[in-house]
Structures are given as C-alpha cells and as structure tokens.
C-alpha cells in the first residue's frame, strides 16, 4: 500500500483524477479529516474539503504507473 497527499484545485482536476483512477482495477481511498471516500467516485470527492491536501491510499503494490500518472496532483 502506498500513501501520499494530493491537492485538487479545480473541477477539472477532480475530473482528470477520477478518470485516471478508473483506469486501474485496484482500490484507491481518499481521506480528509475523518471522512474516507472511494477515489473512483466523483460525488464522493466533491463531498471532501478540497481546500486542503487529501490523503491518498493506494491498495496495491504494483501502482507505479498510477503514481506516475497522478504526480502532477501530489504535494508534500
């Protein structure tokens, strides 16, 4: 499992992120505060506080391609 933070600054960022996540058949969860949502759910993502970084948990060991695709969203 890999964990890192992302920042989704616009509606297009959310849409692009969901499209990337849906290409892969492993689970990805987003955590903001005490809320956890499925990263493949655009409505779930919009229920989070997008003004702050969001924790991403990738439930796969072979997620290098996915990590490379979303590196534009990753923050420290």
Protein backbone atom coordinates (compact mmCIF):
# COMPACT_ATOMS: atom_id res chain seq x y z
CA UNK A 1 0.00 0.00 0.00
CA UNK A 2 1.25 3.49 -0.87
CA UNK A 3 0.19 6.68 0.88
CA UNK A 4 0.74 10.30 -0.16
CA UNK A 5 -1.11 13.65 -0.32
CA UNK A 6 -2.70 15.33 -3.32
CA UNK A 7 -4.31 18.70 -3.95
CA UNK A 8 -7.23 19.03 -6.35
CA UNK A 9 -7.53 22.74 -7.15
CA UNK A 10 -10.38 22.77 -9.69
CA UNK A 11 -13.33 20.85 -11.04
CA UNK A 12 -11.18 19.78 -13.99
CA UNK A 13 -8.53 18.43 -11.60
CA UNK A 14 -11.18 16.28 -9.90
CA UNK A 15 -12.50 15.05 -13.25
CA UNK A 16 -9.00 14.24 -14.55
CA UNK A 17 -8.05 12.48 -11.30
CA UNK A 18 -11.20 10.30 -11.34
CA UNK A 19 -10.58 9.39 -14.99
CA UNK A 20 -7.04 8.28 -14.15
CA UNK A 21 -8.11 6.26 -11.08
CA UNK A 22 -10.85 4.48 -13.03
CA UNK A 23 -8.27 3.07 -15.48
CA UNK A 24 -6.89 0.82 -12.73
CA UNK A 25 -8.57 -2.18 -11.13
CA UNK A 26 -7.23 -1.74 -7.59
CA UNK A 27 -8.82 0.25 -4.77
CA UNK A 28 -7.83 3.83 -4.02
CA UNK A 29 -9.23 5.66 -0.99
CA UNK A 30 -9.15 9.38 -0.22
CA UNK A 31 -9.11 10.60 3.39
CA UNK A 32 -9.90 14.13 4.54
CA UNK A 33 -10.29 14.55 8.29
CA UNK A 34 -12.48 11.69 9.47
CA UNK A 35 -14.07 11.07 6.06
CA UNK A 36 -12.91 8.31 3.70
CA UNK A 37 -14.28 8.04 0.16
CA UNK A 38 -13.63 5.86 -2.87
CA UNK A 39 -11.35 7.77 -5.26
CA UNK A 40 -13.37 6.41 -8.21
CA UNK A 41 -16.44 8.34 -7.03
CA UNK A 42 -16.60 11.90 -8.33
CA UNK A 43 -19.50 12.67 -5.98
CA UNK A 44 -17.54 11.28 -3.05
CA UNK A 45 -14.58 13.52 -3.84
CA UNK A 46 -16.79 16.61 -4.03
CA UNK A 47 -18.04 15.80 -0.51
CA UNK A 48 -14.49 16.36 0.83
CA UNK A 49 -12.84 19.64 1.80
CA UNK A 50 -10.86 20.34 -1.39
CA UNK A 51 -9.17 23.44 0.03
CA UNK A 52 -6.72 21.21 1.93
CA UNK A 53 -4.46 18.37 0.82
CA UNK A 54 -6.17 14.97 0.67
CA UNK A 55 -4.51 11.74 1.77
CA UNK A 56 -4.43 9.03 -0.91
CA UNK A 57 -4.16 5.34 -0.02
CA UNK A 58 -3.41 3.02 -2.94
CA UNK A 59 -4.26 -0.61 -2.12
CA UNK A 60 -1.81 -2.23 -4.49
CA UNK A 61 1.91 -2.94 -4.56
CA UNK A 62 2.18 -2.56 -8.35
CA UNK A 63 0.92 1.01 -8.61
CA UNK A 64 3.97 2.65 -10.20
CA UNK A 65 2.16 3.54 -13.45
CA UNK A 66 -0.71 5.05 -11.46
CA UNK A 67 1.69 7.03 -9.25
CA UNK A 68 3.44 8.43 -12.32
CA UNK A 69 0.14 9.47 -13.91
CA UNK A 70 -1.03 11.47 -10.89
CA UNK A 71 2.31 13.03 -9.89
CA UNK A 72 1.00 16.43 -11.06
CA UNK A 73 -1.50 16.35 -8.18
CA UNK A 74 0.94 15.18 -5.47
CA UNK A 75 2.04 17.64 -2.77
CA UNK A 76 4.45 17.28 0.15
